[in-house]
Amino acid sequence: MPPRAWLAQGEHLVSELGVARRTGIEGWFDPPARQDEPSGPPLLHAPPRSQRVPRGAYLG
């Protein structure tokens, strides 16, 4: 059996319906498509900039 014969054996199992080229940012700002995700406590807003921990500060 040639090295890639197994790939040819599965060609009848796959069909290509279309190709959509995307850059990676599409959909980031769209409303969620699923509404069945668990709802937890509301997310907290980030504190004002004056209270943020400086970059590289040790939080240990």
C-alpha atoms as a PDB file:
ATOM      1  CA  MET A   1       0.000   0.000   0.000  1.00  0.00           C
ATOM      2  CA  PRO A   2       1.489   3.408  -0.952  1.00  0.00           C
ATOM      3  CA  PRO A   3       2.196   5.759   1.978  1.00  0.00           C
ATOM      4  CA  ARG A   4      -0.924   7.921   1.383  1.00  0.00           C
ATOM      5  CA  ALA A   5      -3.359   5.210   0.199  1.00  0.00           C
ATOM      6  CA  TRP A   6      -5.299   5.434   3.469  1.00  0.00           C
ATOM      7  CA  LEU A   7      -6.089   9.069   2.639  1.00  0.00           C
ATOM      8  CA  ALA A   8      -7.608   8.152  -0.713  1.00  0.00           C
ATOM      9  CA  GLN A   9      -9.750   5.460   0.928  1.00  0.00           C
ATOM     10  CA  GLY A  10     -11.670   8.094   2.884  1.00  0.00           C
ATOM     11  CA  GLU A  11     -12.398  10.526   0.044  1.00  0.00           C
ATOM     12  CA  HIS A  12     -15.985   9.257  -0.320  1.00  0.00           C
ATOM     13  CA  LEU A  13     -16.625  10.162   3.336  1.00  0.00           C
ATOM     14  CA  VAL A  14     -15.864  13.874   2.924  1.00  0.00           C
ATOM     15  CA  SER A  15     -17.464  16.622   0.880  1.00  0.00           C
ATOM     16  CA  GLU A  16     -16.359  20.215   0.566  1.00  0.00           C
ATOM     17  CA  LEU A  17     -19.379  22.516   0.588  1.00  0.00           C
ATOM     18  CA  GLY A  18     -17.562  25.823   0.479  1.00  0.00           C
ATOM     19  CA  VAL A  19     -14.547  27.717   1.654  1.00  0.00           C
ATOM     20  CA  ALA A  20     -14.689  30.887   3.747  1.00  0.00           C
ATOM     21  CA  ARG A  21     -11.433  32.747   4.154  1.00  0.00           C
ATOM     22  CA  ARG A  22     -11.254  34.623   7.425  1.00  0.00           C
ATOM     23  CA  THR A  23      -8.707  36.885   9.037  1.00  0.00           C
ATOM     24  CA  GLY A  24      -9.484  35.784  12.594  1.00  0.00           C
ATOM     25  CA  ILE A  25     -11.317  38.828  13.961  1.00  0.00           C
ATOM     26  CA  GLU A  26     -14.713  38.212  12.358  1.00  0.00           C
ATOM     27  CA  GLY A  27     -17.376  37.580  14.931  1.00  0.00           C
ATOM     28  CA  TRP A  28     -15.501  38.964  17.928  1.00  0.00           C
ATOM     29  CA  PHE A  29     -18.062  41.718  18.447  1.00  0.00           C
ATOM     30  CA  ASP A  30     -21.166  39.793  17.411  1.00  0.00           C
ATOM     31  CA  PRO A  31     -23.693  38.767  20.054  1.00  0.00           C
ATOM     32  CA  PRO A  32     -23.161  35.205  21.298  1.00  0.00           C
ATOM     33  CA  ALA A  33     -24.612  32.537  19.016  1.00  0.00           C
ATOM     34  CA  ARG A  34     -25.416  30.208  21.931  1.00  0.00           C
ATOM     35  CA  GLN A  35     -27.704  31.203  24.743  1.00  0.00           C
ATOM     36  CA  ASP A  36     -27.639  27.881  26.611  1.00  0.00           C
ATOM     37  CA  GLU A  37     -24.340  28.527  28.367  1.00  0.00           C
ATOM     38  CA  PRO A  38     -24.455  28.578  32.164  1.00  0.00           C
ATOM     39  CA  SER A  39     -25.064  31.951  33.690  1.00  0.00           C
ATOM     40  CA  GLY A  40     -22.810  32.728  36.605  1.00  0.00           C
ATOM     41  CA  PRO A  41     -22.287  35.788  38.729  1.00  0.00           C
ATOM     42  CA  PRO A  42     -21.883  39.007  36.752  1.00  0.00           C
ATOM     43  CA  LEU A  43     -18.353  39.871  35.708  1.00  0.00           C
ATOM     44  CA  LEU A  44     -16.662  42.588  37.707  1.00  0.00           C
ATOM     45  CA  HIS A  45     -15.483  45.720  35.956  1.00  0.00           C
ATOM     46  CA  ALA A  46     -11.772  46.534  35.942  1.00  0.00           C
ATOM     47  CA  PRO A  47     -10.729  48.917  38.721  1.00  0.00           C
ATOM     48  CA  PRO A  48      -9.794  52.480  37.813  1.00  0.00           C
ATOM     49  CA  ARG A  49      -6.301  52.858  36.381  1.00  0.00           C
ATOM     50  CA  SER A  50      -5.003  54.508  39.557  1.00  0.00           C
ATOM     51  CA  GLN A  51      -5.680  51.270  41.519  1.00  0.00           C
ATOM     52  CA  ARG A  52      -4.233  48.793  39.035  1.00  0.00           C
ATOM     53  CA  VAL A  53      -1.130  46.860  39.960  1.00  0.00           C
ATOM     54  CA  PRO A  54       1.902  48.096  38.008  1.00  0.00           C
ATOM     55  CA  ARG A  55       3.139  45.803  35.254  1.00  0.00           C
ATOM     56  CA  GLY A  56       5.723  43.379  36.547  1.00  0.00           C
ATOM     57  CA  ALA A  57       4.769  43.858  40.196  1.00  0.00           C
ATOM     58  CA  TYR A  58       5.067  40.743  42.333  1.00  0.00           C
ATOM     59  CA  LEU A  59       1.685  39.625  43.691  1.00  0.00           C
ATOM     60  CA  GLY A  60       3.071  36.684  45.680  1.00  0.00           C
END
